[in-house]
mmCIF file of all heavy atoms, coordinates in Angstrom:
data_MODEL
# 
_entry.id   MODEL 
# 
loop_
_atom_site.group_PDB 
_atom_site.id 
_atom_site.type_symbol 
_atom_site.label_atom_id 
_atom_site.label_alt_id 
_atom_site.label_comp_id 
_atom_site.label_asym_id 
_atom_site.label_entity_id 
_atom_site.label_seq_id 
_atom_site.pdbx_PDB_ins_code 
_atom_site.Cartn_x 
_atom_site.Cartn_y 
_atom_site.Cartn_z 
_atom_site.occupancy 
_atom_site.B_iso_or_equiv 
_atom_site.pdbx_formal_charge 
_atom_site.auth_seq_id 
_atom_site.auth_comp_id 
_atom_site.auth_asym_id 
_atom_site.auth_atom_id 
_atom_site.pdbx_PDB_model_num 
ATOM 1   N N   . GLU A 1 1  ? 127.131 94.335 115.243 1.00 0.00 ? 1  GLU A N   1 
ATOM 2   C CA  . GLU A 1 1  ? 126.783 94.131 116.637 1.00 0.00 ? 1  GLU A CA  1 
ATOM 3   C C   . GLU A 1 1  ? 125.545 93.240 116.776 1.00 0.00 ? 1  GLU A C   1 
ATOM 4   O O   . GLU A 1 1  ? 125.484 92.355 117.632 1.00 0.00 ? 1  GLU A O   1 
ATOM 5   C CB  . GLU A 1 1  ? 126.522 95.472 117.332 1.00 0.00 ? 1  GLU A CB  1 
ATOM 6   C CG  . GLU A 1 1  ? 127.748 96.370 117.440 1.00 0.00 ? 1  GLU A CG  1 
ATOM 7   C CD  . GLU A 1 1  ? 127.810 97.385 116.305 1.00 0.00 ? 1  GLU A CD  1 
ATOM 8   O OE1 . GLU A 1 1  ? 127.637 96.995 115.133 1.00 0.00 ? 1  GLU A OE1 1 
ATOM 9   O OE2 . GLU A 1 1  ? 128.028 98.578 116.599 1.00 0.00 ? 1  GLU A OE2 1 
ATOM 10  N N   . ARG A 1 2  ? 124.540 93.478 115.926 1.00 0.00 ? 2  ARG A N   1 
ATOM 11  C CA  . ARG A 1 2  ? 123.338 92.648 115.956 1.00 0.00 ? 2  ARG A CA  1 
ATOM 12  C C   . ARG A 1 2  ? 123.660 91.212 115.553 1.00 0.00 ? 2  ARG A C   1 
ATOM 13  O O   . ARG A 1 2  ? 123.175 90.250 116.151 1.00 0.00 ? 2  ARG A O   1 
ATOM 14  C CB  . ARG A 1 2  ? 122.288 93.250 115.021 1.00 0.00 ? 2  ARG A CB  1 
ATOM 15  C CG  . ARG A 1 2  ? 121.046 92.402 114.786 1.00 0.00 ? 2  ARG A CG  1 
ATOM 16  C CD  . ARG A 1 2  ? 120.229 92.189 116.015 1.00 0.00 ? 2  ARG A CD  1 
ATOM 17  N NE  . ARG A 1 2  ? 119.920 93.440 116.716 1.00 0.00 ? 2  ARG A NE  1 
ATOM 18  C CZ  . ARG A 1 2  ? 119.400 93.513 117.935 1.00 0.00 ? 2  ARG A CZ  1 
ATOM 19  N NH1 . ARG A 1 2  ? 119.142 92.406 118.596 1.00 0.00 ? 2  ARG A NH1 1 
ATOM 20  N NH2 . ARG A 1 2  ? 119.154 94.668 118.502 1.00 0.00 ? 2  ARG A NH2 1 
ATOM 21  N N   . LEU A 1 3  ? 124.510 91.043 114.545 1.00 0.00 ? 3  LEU A N   1 
ATOM 22  C CA  . LEU A 1 3  ? 124.895 89.692 114.119 1.00 0.00 ? 3  LEU A CA  1 
ATOM 23  C C   . LEU A 1 3  ? 125.601 88.951 115.242 1.00 0.00 ? 3  LEU A C   1 
ATOM 24  O O   . LEU A 1 3  ? 125.376 87.749 115.439 1.00 0.00 ? 3  LEU A O   1 
ATOM 25  C CB  . LEU A 1 3  ? 125.804 89.760 112.889 1.00 0.00 ? 3  LEU A CB  1 
ATOM 26  C CG  . LEU A 1 3  ? 125.202 90.384 111.626 1.00 0.00 ? 3  LEU A CG  1 
ATOM 27  C CD1 . LEU A 1 3  ? 126.228 90.365 110.493 1.00 0.00 ? 3  LEU A CD1 1 
ATOM 28  C CD2 . LEU A 1 3  ? 123.932 89.661 111.196 1.00 0.00 ? 3  LEU A CD2 1 
ATOM 29  N N   . LEU A 1 4  ? 126.451 89.653 115.975 1.00 0.00 ? 4  LEU A N   1 
ATOM 30  C CA  . LEU A 1 4  ? 127.141 89.021 117.097 1.00 0.00 ? 4  LEU A CA  1 
ATOM 31  C C   . LEU A 1 4  ? 126.141 88.513 118.131 1.00 0.00 ? 4  LEU A C   1 
ATOM 32  O O   . LEU A 1 4  ? 126.272 87.383 118.637 1.00 0.00 ? 4  LEU A O   1 
ATOM 33  C CB  . LEU A 1 4  ? 128.100 90.018 117.753 1.00 0.00 ? 4  LEU A CB  1 
ATOM 34  C CG  . LEU A 1 4  ? 129.397 90.314 117.003 1.00 0.00 ? 4  LEU A CG  1 
ATOM 35  C CD1 . LEU A 1 4  ? 130.093 91.525 117.614 1.00 0.00 ? 4  LEU A CD1 1 
ATOM 36  C CD2 . LEU A 1 4  ? 130.339 89.106 117.012 1.00 0.00 ? 4  LEU A CD2 1 
ATOM 37  N N   . GLU A 1 5  ? 125.140 89.310 118.454 1.00 0.00 ? 5  GLU A N   1 
ATOM 38  C CA  . GLU A 1 5  ? 124.167 88.869 119.446 1.00 0.00 ? 5  GLU A CA  1 
ATOM 39  C C   . GLU A 1 5  ? 123.402 87.640 118.966 1.00 0.00 ? 5  GLU A C   1 
ATOM 40  O O   . GLU A 1 5  ? 123.178 86.690 119.739 1.00 0.00 ? 5  GLU A O   1 
ATOM 41  C CB  . GLU A 1 5  ? 123.188 89.992 119.785 1.00 0.00 ? 5  GLU A CB  1 
ATOM 42  C CG  . GLU A 1 5  ? 122.206 89.579 120.871 1.00 0.00 ? 5  GLU A CG  1 
ATOM 43  C CD  . GLU A 1 5  ? 121.368 90.738 121.376 1.00 0.00 ? 5  GLU A CD  1 
ATOM 44  O OE1 . GLU A 1 5  ? 121.848 91.459 122.266 1.00 0.00 ? 5  GLU A OE1 1 
ATOM 45  O OE2 . GLU A 1 5  ? 120.249 90.916 120.870 1.00 0.00 ? 5  GLU A OE2 1 
ATOM 46  N N   . VAL A 1 6  ? 123.023 87.638 117.701 1.00 0.00 ? 6  VAL A N   1 
ATOM 47  C CA  . VAL A 1 6  ? 122.304 86.483 117.157 1.00 0.00 ? 6  VAL A CA  1 
ATOM 48  C C   . VAL A 1 6  ? 123.189 85.241 117.200 1.00 0.00 ? 6  VAL A C   1 
ATOM 49  O O   . VAL A 1 6  ? 122.725 84.132 117.518 1.00 0.00 ? 6  VAL A O   1 
ATOM 50  C CB  . VAL A 1 6  ? 121.827 86.779 115.720 1.00 0.00 ? 6  VAL A CB  1 
ATOM 51  C CG1 . VAL A 1 6  ? 121.294 85.526 115.045 1.00 0.00 ? 6  VAL A CG1 1 
ATOM 52  C CG2 . VAL A 1 6  ? 120.756 87.874 115.751 1.00 0.00 ? 6  VAL A CG2 1 
ATOM 53  N N   . PHE A 1 7  ? 124.462 85.400 116.907 1.00 0.00 ? 7  PHE A N   1 
ATOM 54  C CA  . PHE A 1 7  ? 125.394 84.278 116.971 1.00 0.00 ? 7  PHE A CA  1 
ATOM 55  C C   . PHE A 1 7  ? 125.442 83.700 118.383 1.00 0.00 ? 7  PHE A C   1 
ATOM 56  O O   . PHE A 1 7  ? 125.242 82.498 118.588 1.00 0.00 ? 7  PHE A O   1 
ATOM 57  C CB  . PHE A 1 7  ? 126.787 84.740 116.547 1.00 0.00 ? 7  PHE A CB  1 
ATOM 58  C CG  . PHE A 1 7  ? 127.869 83.731 116.826 1.00 0.00 ? 7  PHE A CG  1 
ATOM 59  C CD1 . PHE A 1 7  ? 127.963 82.561 116.081 1.00 0.00 ? 7  PHE A CD1 1 
ATOM 60  C CD2 . PHE A 1 7  ? 128.805 83.945 117.835 1.00 0.00 ? 7  PHE A CD2 1 
ATOM 61  C CE1 . PHE A 1 7  ? 128.954 81.624 116.339 1.00 0.00 ? 7  PHE A CE1 1 
ATOM 62  C CE2 . PHE A 1 7  ? 129.805 83.016 118.094 1.00 0.00 ? 7  PHE A CE2 1 
ATOM 63  C CZ  . PHE A 1 7  ? 129.878 81.847 117.347 1.00 0.00 ? 7  PHE A CZ  1 
ATOM 64  N N   . TRP A 1 8  ? 125.691 84.554 119.386 1.00 0.00 ? 8  TRP A N   1 
ATOM 65  C CA  . TRP A 1 8  ? 125.819 84.061 120.759 1.00 0.00 ? 8  TRP A CA  1 
ATOM 66  C C   . TRP A 1 8  ? 124.540 83.387 121.241 1.00 0.00 ? 8  TRP A C   1 
ATOM 67  O O   . TRP A 1 8  ? 124.593 82.435 122.038 1.00 0.00 ? 8  TRP A O   1 
ATOM 68  C CB  . TRP A 1 8  ? 126.162 85.209 121.702 1.00 0.00 ? 8  TRP A CB  1 
ATOM 69  C CG  . TRP A 1 8  ? 127.539 85.785 121.568 1.00 0.00 ? 8  TRP A CG  1 
ATOM 70  C CD1 . TRP A 1 8  ? 127.870 87.073 121.242 1.00 0.00 ? 8  TRP A CD1 1 
ATOM 71  C CD2 . TRP A 1 8  ? 128.802 85.117 121.778 1.00 0.00 ? 8  TRP A CD2 1 
ATOM 72  N NE1 . TRP A 1 8  ? 129.238 87.239 121.225 1.00 0.00 ? 8  TRP A NE1 1 
ATOM 73  C CE2 . TRP A 1 8  ? 129.833 86.058 121.545 1.00 0.00 ? 8  TRP A CE2 1 
ATOM 74  C CE3 . TRP A 1 8  ? 129.146 83.809 122.130 1.00 0.00 ? 8  TRP A CE3 1 
ATOM 75  C CZ2 . TRP A 1 8  ? 131.182 85.738 121.672 1.00 0.00 ? 8  TRP A CZ2 1 
ATOM 76  C CZ3 . TRP A 1 8  ? 130.494 83.491 122.243 1.00 0.00 ? 8  TRP A CZ3 1 
ATOM 77  C CH2 . TRP A 1 8  ? 131.494 84.436 122.025 1.00 0.00 ? 8  TRP A CH2 1 
ATOM 78  N N   . LYS A 1 9  ? 123.392 83.855 120.754 1.00 0.00 ? 9  LYS A N   1 
ATOM 79  C CA  . LYS A 1 9  ? 122.119 83.311 121.228 1.00 0.00 ? 9  LYS A CA  1 
ATOM 80  C C   . LYS A 1 9  ? 121.683 82.051 120.481 1.00 0.00 ? 9  LYS A C   1 
ATOM 81  O O   . LYS A 1 9  ? 120.591 81.531 120.723 1.00 0.00 ? 9  LYS A O   1 
ATOM 82  C CB  . LYS A 1 9  ? 121.024 84.388 121.143 1.00 0.00 ? 9  LYS A CB  1 
ATOM 83  C CG  . LYS A 1 9  ? 121.202 85.493 122.167 1.00 0.00 ? 9  LYS A CG  1 
ATOM 84  C CD  . LYS A 1 9  ? 120.041 86.465 122.178 1.00 0.00 ? 9  LYS A CD  1 
ATOM 85  C CE  . LYS A 1 9  ? 120.186 87.490 123.300 1.00 0.00 ? 9  LYS A CE  1 
ATOM 86  N NZ  . LYS A 1 9  ? 119.044 88.434 123.359 1.00 0.00 ? 9  LYS A NZ  1 
ATOM 87  N N   . ASN A 1 10 ? 122.542 81.552 119.593 1.00 0.00 ? 10 ASN A N   1 
ATOM 88  C CA  . ASN A 1 10 ? 122.199 80.335 118.850 1.00 0.00 ? 10 ASN A CA  1 
ATOM 89  C C   . ASN A 1 10 ? 123.227 79.225 119.013 1.00 0.00 ? 10 ASN A C   1 
ATOM 90  O O   . ASN A 1 10 ? 123.193 78.243 118.271 1.00 0.00 ? 10 ASN A O   1 
ATOM 91  C CB  . ASN A 1 10 ? 122.023 80.666 117.366 1.00 0.00 ? 10 ASN A CB  1 
ATOM 92  C CG  . ASN A 1 10 ? 120.653 81.236 117.072 1.00 0.00 ? 10 ASN A CG  1 
ATOM 93  O OD1 . ASN A 1 10 ? 119.688 80.502 116.880 1.00 0.00 ? 10 ASN A OD1 1 
ATOM 94  N ND2 . ASN A 1 10 ? 120.555 82.559 117.064 1.00 0.00 ? 10 ASN A ND2 1 
ATOM 95  N N   . ILE A 1 11 ? 124.128 79.384 119.989 1.00 0.00 ? 11 ILE A N   1 
ATOM 96  C CA  . ILE A 1 11 ? 125.144 78.361 120.247 1.00 0.00 ? 11 ILE A CA  1 
ATOM 97  C C   . ILE A 1 11 ? 125.252 78.113 121.747 1.00 0.00 ? 11 ILE A C   1 
ATOM 98  O O   . ILE A 1 11 ? 124.680 78.847 122.549 1.00 0.00 ? 11 ILE A O   1 
ATOM 99  C CB  . ILE A 1 11 ? 126.531 78.785 119.711 1.00 0.00 ? 11 ILE A CB  1 
ATOM 100 C CG1 . ILE A 1 11 ? 127.042 80.026 120.471 1.00 0.00 ? 11 ILE A CG1 1 
ATOM 101 C CG2 . ILE A 1 11 ? 126.479 79.047 118.208 1.00 0.00 ? 11 ILE A CG2 1 
ATOM 102 C CD1 . ILE A 1 11 ? 128.494 80.358 120.217 1.00 0.00 ? 11 ILE A CD1 1 
ATOM 103 N N   . ASP A 1 12 ? 126.016 77.069 122.100 1.00 0.00 ? 12 ASP A N   1 
ATOM 104 C CA  . ASP A 1 12 ? 126.470 76.885 123.469 1.00 0.00 ? 12 ASP A CA  1 
ATOM 105 C C   . ASP A 1 12 ? 127.925 77.334 123.499 1.00 0.00 ? 12 ASP A C   1 
ATOM 106 O O   . ASP A 1 12 ? 128.819 76.585 123.095 1.00 0.00 ? 12 ASP A O   1 
ATOM 107 C CB  . ASP A 1 12 ? 126.364 75.425 123.896 1.00 0.00 ? 12 ASP A CB  1 
ATOM 108 C CG  . ASP A 1 12 ? 126.935 75.188 125.294 1.00 0.00 ? 12 ASP A CG  1 
ATOM 109 O OD1 . ASP A 1 12 ? 127.400 76.164 125.923 1.00 0.00 ? 12 ASP A OD1 1 
ATOM 110 O OD2 . ASP A 1 12 ? 126.926 74.027 125.748 1.00 0.00 ? 12 ASP A OD2 1 
ATOM 111 N N   . PRO A 1 13 ? 128.201 78.545 123.967 1.00 0.00 ? 13 PRO A N   1 
ATOM 112 C CA  . PRO A 1 13 ? 129.553 79.081 123.888 1.00 0.00 ? 13 PRO A CA  1 
ATOM 113 C C   . PRO A 1 13 ? 130.515 78.488 124.910 1.00 0.00 ? 13 PRO A C   1 
ATOM 114 O O   . PRO A 1 13 ? 131.706 78.804 124.894 1.00 0.00 ? 13 PRO A O   1 
ATOM 115 C CB  . PRO A 1 13 ? 129.345 80.580 124.145 1.00 0.00 ? 13 PRO A CB  1 
ATOM 116 C CG  . PRO A 1 13 ? 128.142 80.636 125.017 1.00 0.00 ? 13 PRO A CG  1 
ATOM 117 C CD  . PRO A 1 13 ? 127.252 79.513 124.555 1.00 0.00 ? 13 PRO A CD  1 
ATOM 118 N N   . THR A 1 14 ? 130.024 77.631 125.787 1.00 0.00 ? 14 THR A N   1 
ATOM 119 C CA  . THR A 1 14 ? 130.885 77.044 126.819 1.00 0.00 ? 14 THR A CA  1 
ATOM 120 C C   . THR A 1 14 ? 131.453 75.686 126.417 1.00 0.00 ? 14 THR A C   1 
ATOM 121 O O   . THR A 1 14 ? 132.255 75.121 127.158 1.00 0.00 ? 14 THR A O   1 
ATOM 122 C CB  . THR A 1 14 ? 130.111 76.871 128.140 1.00 0.00 ? 14 THR A CB  1 
ATOM 123 O OG1 . THR A 1 14 ? 129.100 75.864 127.976 1.00 0.00 ? 14 THR A OG1 1 
ATOM 124 C CG2 . THR A 1 14 ? 129.458 78.180 128.559 1.00 0.00 ? 14 THR A CG2 1 
ATOM 125 N N   . ASP A 1 15 ? 131.060 75.177 125.267 1.00 0.00 ? 15 ASP A N   1 
ATOM 126 C CA  . ASP A 1 15 ? 131.482 73.834 124.840 1.00 0.00 ? 15 ASP A CA  1 
ATOM 127 C C   . ASP A 1 15 ? 132.746 73.920 123.981 1.00 0.00 ? 15 ASP A C   1 
ATOM 128 O O   . ASP A 1 15 ? 132.690 74.407 122.844 1.00 0.00 ? 15 ASP A O   1 
ATOM 129 C CB  . ASP A 1 15 ? 130.353 73.168 124.048 1.00 0.00 ? 15 ASP A CB  1 
ATOM 130 C CG  . ASP A 1 15 ? 130.631 71.706 123.749 1.00 0.00 ? 15 ASP A CG  1 
ATOM 131 O OD1 . ASP A 1 15 ? 131.790 71.273 123.907 1.00 0.00 ? 15 ASP A OD1 1 
ATOM 132 O OD2 . ASP A 1 15 ? 129.688 71.002 123.357 1.00 0.00 ? 15 ASP A OD2 1 
ATOM 133 N N   . PRO A 1 16 ? 133.898 73.445 124.465 1.00 0.00 ? 16 PRO A N   1 
ATOM 134 C CA  . PRO A 1 16 ? 135.130 73.531 123.673 1.00 0.00 ? 16 PRO A CA  1 
ATOM 135 C C   . PRO A 1 16 ? 135.339 72.370 122.711 1.00 0.00 ? 16 PRO A C   1 
ATOM 136 O O   . PRO A 1 16 ? 136.309 72.355 121.960 1.00 0.00 ? 16 PRO A O   1 
ATOM 137 C CB  . PRO A 1 16 ? 136.223 73.527 124.757 1.00 0.00 ? 16 PRO A CB  1 
ATOM 138 C CG  . PRO A 1 16 ? 135.645 72.698 125.853 1.00 0.00 ? 16 PRO A CG  1 
ATOM 139 C CD  . PRO A 1 16 ? 134.157 72.941 125.829 1.00 0.00 ? 16 PRO A CD  1 
ATOM 140 N N   . TYR A 1 17 ? 134.423 71.402 122.709 1.00 0.00 ? 17 TYR A N   1 
ATOM 141 C CA  . TYR A 1 17 ? 134.650 70.177 121.937 1.00 0.00 ? 17 TYR A CA  1 
ATOM 142 C C   . TYR A 1 17 ? 133.652 69.945 120.809 1.00 0.00 ? 17 TYR A C   1 
ATOM 143 O O   . TYR A 1 17 ? 133.698 68.940 120.119 1.00 0.00 ? 17 TYR A O   1 
ATOM 144 C CB  . TYR A 1 17 ? 134.631 68.965 122.878 1.00 0.00 ? 17 TYR A CB  1 
ATOM 145 C CG  . TYR A 1 17 ? 135.603 69.088 124.013 1.00 0.00 ? 17 TYR A CG  1 
ATOM 146 C CD1 . TYR A 1 17 ? 135.149 69.210 125.328 1.00 0.00 ? 17 TYR A CD1 1 
ATOM 147 C CD2 . TYR A 1 17 ? 136.970 69.113 123.782 1.00 0.00 ? 17 TYR A CD2 1 
ATOM 148 C CE1 . TYR A 1 17 ? 136.042 69.340 126.381 1.00 0.00 ? 17 TYR A CE1 1 
ATOM 149 C CE2 . TYR A 1 17 ? 137.880 69.245 124.831 1.00 0.00 ? 17 TYR A CE2 1 
ATOM 150 C CZ  . TYR A 1 17 ? 137.404 69.359 126.122 1.00 0.00 ? 17 TYR A CZ  1 
ATOM 151 O OH  . TYR A 1 17 ? 138.296 69.493 127.159 1.00 0.00 ? 17 TYR A OH  1 
ATOM 152 N N   . GLY A 1 18 ? 132.730 70.868 120.606 1.00 0.00 ? 18 GLY A N   1 
ATOM 153 C CA  . GLY A 1 18 ? 131.730 70.695 119.569 1.00 0.00 ? 18 GLY A CA  1 
ATOM 154 C C   . GLY A 1 18 ? 130.470 71.439 119.933 1.00 0.00 ? 18 GLY A C   1 
ATOM 155 O O   . GLY A 1 18 ? 130.497 72.393 120.714 1.00 0.00 ? 18 GLY A O   1 
ATOM 156 N N   . GLN A 1 19 ? 129.361 71.017 119.377 1.00 0.00 ? 19 GLN A N   1 
ATOM 157 C CA  . GLN A 1 19 ? 128.079 71.642 119.686 1.00 0.00 ? 19 GLN A CA  1 
ATOM 158 C C   . GLN A 1 19 ? 126.995 70.575 119.786 1.00 0.00 ? 19 GLN A C   1 
ATOM 159 O O   . GLN A 1 19 ? 126.724 69.856 118.807 1.00 0.00 ? 19 GLN A O   1 
ATOM 160 C CB  . GLN A 1 19 ? 127.687 72.676 118.633 1.00 0.00 ? 19 GLN A CB  1 
ATOM 161 C CG  . GLN A 1 19 ? 128.458 73.979 118.712 1.00 0.00 ? 19 GLN A CG  1 
ATOM 162 C CD  . GLN A 1 19 ? 128.101 74.821 119.922 1.00 0.00 ? 19 GLN A CD  1 
ATOM 163 O OE1 . GLN A 1 19 ? 127.087 75.499 119.969 1.00 0.00 ? 19 GLN A OE1 1 
ATOM 164 N NE2 . GLN A 1 19 ? 128.967 74.772 120.934 1.00 0.00 ? 19 GLN A NE2 1 
ATOM 165 N N   . PHE A 1 20 ? 126.452 70.428 121.000 1.00 0.00 ? 20 PHE A N   1 
ATOM 166 C CA  . PHE A 1 20 ? 125.311 69.554 121.237 1.00 0.00 ? 20 PHE A CA  1 
ATOM 167 C C   . PHE A 1 20 ? 125.653 68.124 120.829 1.00 0.00 ? 20 PHE A C   1 
ATOM 168 O O   . PHE A 1 20 ? 126.662 67.593 121.308 1.00 0.00 ? 20 PHE A O   1 
ATOM 169 C CB  . PHE A 1 20 ? 124.070 70.123 120.544 1.00 0.00 ? 20 PHE A CB  1 
ATOM 170 C CG  . PHE A 1 20 ? 123.874 71.587 120.857 1.00 0.00 ? 20 PHE A CG  1 
ATOM 171 C CD1 . PHE A 1 20 ? 124.152 72.577 119.931 1.00 0.00 ? 20 PHE A CD1 1 
ATOM 172 C CD2 . PHE A 1 20 ? 123.474 71.988 122.132 1.00 0.00 ? 20 PHE A CD2 1 
ATOM 173 C CE1 . PHE A 1 20 ? 124.021 73.930 120.246 1.00 0.00 ? 20 PHE A CE1 1 
ATOM 174 C CE2 . PHE A 1 20 ? 123.345 73.336 122.459 1.00 0.00 ? 20 PHE A CE2 1 
ATOM 175 C CZ  . PHE A 1 20 ? 123.608 74.304 121.519 1.00 0.00 ? 20 PHE A CZ  1 
ATOM 176 N N   . ALA A 1 21 ? 124.901 67.506 119.948 1.00 0.00 ? 21 ALA A N   1 
ATOM 177 C CA  . ALA A 1 21 ? 125.179 66.107 119.589 1.00 0.00 ? 21 ALA A CA  1 
ATOM 178 C C   . ALA A 1 21 ? 126.380 65.965 118.671 1.00 0.00 ? 21 ALA A C   1 
ATOM 179 O O   . ALA A 1 21 ? 126.890 64.857 118.485 1.00 0.00 ? 21 ALA A O   1 
ATOM 180 C CB  . ALA A 1 21 ? 123.944 65.497 118.925 1.00 0.00 ? 21 ALA A CB  1 
ATOM 181 N N   . ASP A 1 22 ? 126.857 67.061 118.099 1.00 0.00 ? 22 ASP A N   1 
ATOM 182 C CA  . ASP A 1 22 ? 127.961 67.012 117.138 1.00 0.00 ? 22 ASP A CA  1 
ATOM 183 C C   . ASP A 1 22 ? 129.285 67.288 117.846 1.00 0.00 ? 22 ASP A C   1 
ATOM 184 O O   . ASP A 1 22 ? 129.475 68.357 118.432 1.00 0.00 ? 22 ASP A O   1 
ATOM 185 C CB  . ASP A 1 22 ? 127.747 68.049 116.028 1.00 0.00 ? 22 ASP A CB  1 
ATOM 186 C CG  . ASP A 1 22 ? 126.491 67.768 115.231 1.00 0.00 ? 22 ASP A CG  1 
ATOM 187 O OD1 . ASP A 1 22 ? 126.241 66.593 114.931 1.00 0.00 ? 22 ASP A OD1 1 
ATOM 188 O OD2 . ASP A 1 22 ? 125.757 68.723 114.921 1.00 0.00 ? 22 ASP A OD2 1 
ATOM 189 N N   . ARG A 1 23 ? 130.198 66.333 117.772 1.00 0.00 ? 23 ARG A N   1 
ATOM 190 C CA  . ARG A 1 23 ? 131.462 66.459 118.477 1.00 0.00 ? 23 ARG A CA  1 
ATOM 191 C C   . ARG A 1 23 ? 132.614 66.496 117.482 1.00 0.00 ? 23 ARG A C   1 
ATOM 192 O O   . ARG A 1 23 ? 132.533 65.941 116.385 1.00 0.00 ? 23 ARG A O   1 
ATOM 193 C CB  . ARG A 1 23 ? 131.689 65.276 119.444 1.00 0.00 ? 23 ARG A CB  1 
ATOM 194 C CG  . ARG A 1 23 ? 130.475 64.845 120.251 1.00 0.00 ? 23 ARG A CG  1 
ATOM 195 C CD  . ARG A 1 23 ? 129.779 65.995 120.938 1.00 0.00 ? 23 ARG A CD  1 
ATOM 196 N NE  . ARG A 1 23 ? 130.630 66.650 121.936 1.00 0.00 ? 23 ARG A NE  1 
ATOM 197 C CZ  . ARG A 1 23 ? 130.418 67.873 122.379 1.00 0.00 ? 23 ARG A CZ  1 
ATOM 198 N NH1 . ARG A 1 23 ? 129.414 68.596 121.901 1.00 0.00 ? 23 ARG A NH1 1 
ATOM 199 N NH2 . ARG A 1 23 ? 131.216 68.393 123.284 1.00 0.00 ? 23 ARG A NH2 1 
ATOM 200 N N   . GLY A 1 24 ? 133.687 67.157 117.860 1.00 0.00 ? 24 GLY A N   1 
ATOM 201 C CA  . GLY A 1 24 ? 134.875 67.170 117.018 1.00 0.00 ? 24 GLY A CA  1 
ATOM 202 C C   . GLY A 1 24 ? 135.285 68.570 116.604 1.00 0.00 ? 24 GLY A C   1 
ATOM 203 O O   . GLY A 1 24 ? 134.532 69.545 116.746 1.00 0.00 ? 24 GLY A O   1 
ATOM 204 N N   . GLU A 1 25 ? 136.516 68.683 116.086 1.00 0.00 ? 25 GLU A N   1 
ATOM 205 C CA  . GLU A 1 25 ? 137.105 69.958 115.673 1.00 0.00 ? 25 GLU A CA  1 
ATOM 206 C C   . GLU A 1 25 ? 136.210 70.717 114.713 1.00 0.00 ? 25 GLU A C   1 
ATOM 207 O O   . GLU A 1 25 ? 136.078 71.943 114.801 1.00 0.00 ? 25 GLU A O   1 
ATOM 208 C CB  . GLU A 1 25 ? 138.460 69.690 115.011 1.00 0.00 ? 25 GLU A CB  1 
ATOM 209 C CG  . GLU A 1 25 ? 139.149 70.912 114.434 1.00 0.00 ? 25 GLU A CG  1 
ATOM 210 C CD  . GLU A 1 25 ? 139.704 71.856 115.486 1.00 0.00 ? 25 GLU A CD  1 
ATOM 211 O OE1 . GLU A 1 25 ? 139.921 71.407 116.625 1.00 0.00 ? 25 GLU A OE1 1 
ATOM 212 O OE2 . GLU A 1 25 ? 139.923 73.039 115.168 1.00 0.00 ? 25 GLU A OE2 1 
ATOM 213 N N   . GLN A 1 26 ? 135.561 70.011 113.809 1.00 0.00 ? 26 GLN A N   1 
ATOM 214 C CA  . GLN A 1 26 ? 134.769 70.671 112.766 1.00 0.00 ? 26 GLN A CA  1 
ATOM 215 C C   . GLN A 1 26 ? 133.510 71.342 113.309 1.00 0.00 ? 26 GLN A C   1 
ATOM 216 O O   . GLN A 1 26 ? 132.875 72.143 112.624 1.00 0.00 ? 26 GLN A O   1 
ATOM 217 C CB  . GLN A 1 26 ? 134.395 69.667 111.660 1.00 0.00 ? 26 GLN A CB  1 
ATOM 218 C CG  . GLN A 1 26 ? 133.428 68.564 112.073 1.00 0.00 ? 26 GLN A CG  1 
ATOM 219 C CD  . GLN A 1 26 ? 134.115 67.347 112.646 1.00 0.00 ? 26 GLN A CD  1 
ATOM 220 O OE1 . GLN A 1 26 ? 135.164 67.454 113.280 1.00 0.00 ? 26 GLN A OE1 1 
ATOM 221 N NE2 . GLN A 1 26 ? 133.552 66.170 112.419 1.00 0.00 ? 26 GLN A NE2 1 
ATOM 222 N N   . TYR A 1 27 ? 133.145 71.032 114.564 1.00 0.00 ? 27 TYR A N   1 
ATOM 223 C CA  . TYR A 1 27 ? 131.938 71.616 115.154 1.00 0.00 ? 27 TYR A CA  1 
ATOM 224 C C   . TYR A 1 27 ? 132.253 72.617 116.263 1.00 0.00 ? 27 TYR A C   1 
ATOM 225 O O   . TYR A 1 27 ? 131.345 73.092 116.950 1.00 0.00 ? 27 TYR A O   1 
ATOM 226 C CB  . TYR A 1 27 ? 131.043 70.508 115.709 1.00 0.00 ? 27 TYR A CB  1 
ATOM 227 C CG  . TYR A 1 27 ? 130.500 69.596 114.634 1.00 0.00 ? 27 TYR A CG  1 
ATOM 228 C CD1 . TYR A 1 27 ? 130.875 68.256 114.579 1.00 0.00 ? 27 TYR A CD1 1 
ATOM 229 C CD2 . TYR A 1 27 ? 129.623 70.085 113.670 1.00 0.00 ? 27 TYR A CD2 1 
ATOM 230 C CE1 . TYR A 1 27 ? 130.388 67.422 113.590 1.00 0.00 ? 27 TYR A CE1 1 
ATOM 231 C CE2 . TYR A 1 27 ? 129.128 69.244 112.676 1.00 0.00 ? 27 TYR A CE2 1 
ATOM 232 C CZ  . TYR A 1 27 ? 129.512 67.917 112.640 1.00 0.00 ? 27 TYR A CZ  1 
ATOM 233 O OH  . TYR A 1 27 ? 129.034 67.095 111.667 1.00 0.00 ? 27 TYR A OH  1 
# 
């Protein structure tokens, strides 16, 4: 449960195409 919270608080969970400057399936 703690790991899940840390995960959610370190990403943008609304981005379906990547993360921040990194785009593509692998991100």
